[in-house]
Amino acid sequence: MLDEALALDPDDADIHASMGLLASTRWDITSSAVDLAAAVQGFERAIALNSNHAQAVAWYAGHSSVTYARRAP
């Protein structure tokens, strides 16, 4: 459904943030590099479109902290 929404409005920061969150959630389960890249791409695109998108920034920060924690020895 998000792909359809994105097709209608590719510059909607909310859609990109939501796609980033879904990919981040998948990554939590799969640890897939593809999901990790998709999460980062979604969050960064949302923030590029609207740097004041507080939820995208918060989700990206949470995702980044979990990613860092998993990689730390």
C-alpha atoms as a PDB file:
ATOM      1  CA  MET A   1       0.000   0.000   0.000  1.00  0.00           C
ATOM      2  CA  LEU A   2       2.858   2.403   0.717  1.00  0.00           C
ATOM      3  CA  ASP A   3       4.240   1.768  -2.768  1.00  0.00           C
ATOM      4  CA  GLU A   4       0.914   2.907  -4.209  1.00  0.00           C
ATOM      5  CA  ALA A   5       0.935   6.011  -2.023  1.00  0.00           C
ATOM      6  CA  LEU A   6       4.510   6.738  -3.083  1.00  0.00           C
ATOM      7  CA  ALA A   7       3.502   6.442  -6.732  1.00  0.00           C
ATOM      8  CA  LEU A   8       0.825   9.090  -6.137  1.00  0.00           C
ATOM      9  CA  ASP A   9       3.130  11.459  -4.260  1.00  0.00           C
ATOM     10  CA  PRO A  10       6.848  10.626  -4.418  1.00  0.00           C
ATOM     11  CA  ASP A  11       7.733  13.758  -2.441  1.00  0.00           C
ATOM     12  CA  ASP A  12       5.667  12.981   0.663  1.00  0.00           C
ATOM     13  CA  ALA A  13       8.009  12.793   3.644  1.00  0.00           C
ATOM     14  CA  ASP A  14       5.457  10.844   5.706  1.00  0.00           C
ATOM     15  CA  ILE A  15       5.426   8.013   3.185  1.00  0.00           C
ATOM     16  CA  HIS A  16       9.214   7.776   3.092  1.00  0.00           C
ATOM     17  CA  ALA A  17       9.412   7.854   6.901  1.00  0.00           C
ATOM     18  CA  SER A  18       6.830   5.072   7.127  1.00  0.00           C
ATOM     19  CA  MET A  19       8.705   3.003   4.565  1.00  0.00           C
ATOM     20  CA  GLY A  20      11.870   3.496   6.579  1.00  0.00           C
ATOM     21  CA  LEU A  21      10.134   2.350   9.750  1.00  0.00           C
ATOM     22  CA  LEU A  22       8.758  -0.768   8.078  1.00  0.00           C
ATOM     23  CA  ALA A  23      12.165  -1.645   6.640  1.00  0.00           C
ATOM     24  CA  SER A  24      13.740  -1.041  10.045  1.00  0.00           C
ATOM     25  CA  THR A  25      11.234  -3.383  11.646  1.00  0.00           C
ATOM     26  CA  ARG A  26      11.953  -6.037   9.010  1.00  0.00           C
ATOM     27  CA  TRP A  27      15.678  -5.570   9.629  1.00  0.00           C
ATOM     28  CA  ASP A  28      15.125  -6.200  13.353  1.00  0.00           C
ATOM     29  CA  ILE A  29      13.790  -9.615  12.372  1.00  0.00           C
ATOM     30  CA  THR A  30      15.933 -10.530   9.365  1.00  0.00           C
ATOM     31  CA  SER A  31      19.224  -8.622   9.891  1.00  0.00           C
ATOM     32  CA  SER A  32      19.217  -8.326   6.102  1.00  0.00           C
ATOM     33  CA  ALA A  33      21.543  -5.789   4.489  1.00  0.00           C
ATOM     34  CA  VAL A  34      18.763  -5.013   2.010  1.00  0.00           C
ATOM     35  CA  ASP A  35      16.348  -4.093   4.812  1.00  0.00           C
ATOM     36  CA  LEU A  36      19.040  -2.059   6.546  1.00  0.00           C
ATOM     37  CA  ALA A  37      19.722  -0.069   3.374  1.00  0.00           C
ATOM     38  CA  ALA A  38      15.996   0.423   2.738  1.00  0.00           C
ATOM     39  CA  ALA A  39      15.474   1.747   6.264  1.00  0.00           C
ATOM     40  CA  VAL A  40      18.313   4.232   5.970  1.00  0.00           C
ATOM     41  CA  GLN A  41      17.132   5.309   2.524  1.00  0.00           C
ATOM     42  CA  GLY A  42      13.567   5.865   3.736  1.00  0.00           C
ATOM     43  CA  PHE A  43      14.576   7.880   6.779  1.00  0.00           C
ATOM     44  CA  GLU A  44      17.145   9.967   4.919  1.00  0.00           C
ATOM     45  CA  ARG A  45      14.734  10.726   2.068  1.00  0.00           C
ATOM     46  CA  ALA A  46      12.019  11.769   4.519  1.00  0.00           C
ATOM     47  CA  ILE A  47      14.414  14.090   6.328  1.00  0.00           C
ATOM     48  CA  ALA A  48      15.712  15.500   3.028  1.00  0.00           C
ATOM     49  CA  LEU A  49      12.148  16.309   2.004  1.00  0.00           C
ATOM     50  CA  ASN A  50      11.255  17.803   5.390  1.00  0.00           C
ATOM     51  CA  SER A  51      14.097  18.448   7.797  1.00  0.00           C
ATOM     52  CA  ASN A  52      11.535  19.331  10.488  1.00  0.00           C
ATOM     53  CA  HIS A  53       9.863  15.916  10.336  1.00  0.00           C
ATOM     54  CA  ALA A  54      10.324  15.103  14.004  1.00  0.00           C
ATOM     55  CA  GLN A  55       8.992  11.556  13.779  1.00  0.00           C
ATOM     56  CA  ALA A  56      11.352  10.641  10.930  1.00  0.00           C
ATOM     57  CA  VAL A  57      14.282  12.046  12.876  1.00  0.00           C
ATOM     58  CA  ALA A  58      13.243  10.147  16.011  1.00  0.00           C
ATOM     59  CA  TRP A  59      12.735   6.867  14.152  1.00  0.00           C
ATOM     60  CA  TYR A  60      16.075   7.279  12.367  1.00  0.00           C
ATOM     61  CA  ALA A  61      17.828   7.982  15.669  1.00  0.00           C
ATOM     62  CA  GLY A  62      16.272   4.912  17.252  1.00  0.00           C
ATOM     63  CA  HIS A  63      17.177   2.778  14.266  1.00  0.00           C
ATOM     64  CA  SER A  64      20.736   4.110  14.278  1.00  0.00           C
ATOM     65  CA  SER A  65      21.214   3.405  17.975  1.00  0.00           C
ATOM     66  CA  VAL A  66      19.988  -0.188  17.604  1.00  0.00           C
ATOM     67  CA  THR A  67      22.178  -0.673  14.534  1.00  0.00           C
ATOM     68  CA  TYR A  68      25.200   0.655  16.403  1.00  0.00           C
ATOM     69  CA  ALA A  69      24.471  -1.507  19.447  1.00  0.00           C
ATOM     70  CA  ARG A  70      24.275  -4.647  17.337  1.00  0.00           C
ATOM     71  CA  ARG A  71      27.596  -3.922  15.669  1.00  0.00           C
ATOM     72  CA  ALA A  72      29.440  -3.070  18.852  1.00  0.00           C
ATOM     73  CA  PRO A  73      31.638  -5.858  20.271  1.00  0.00           C
END
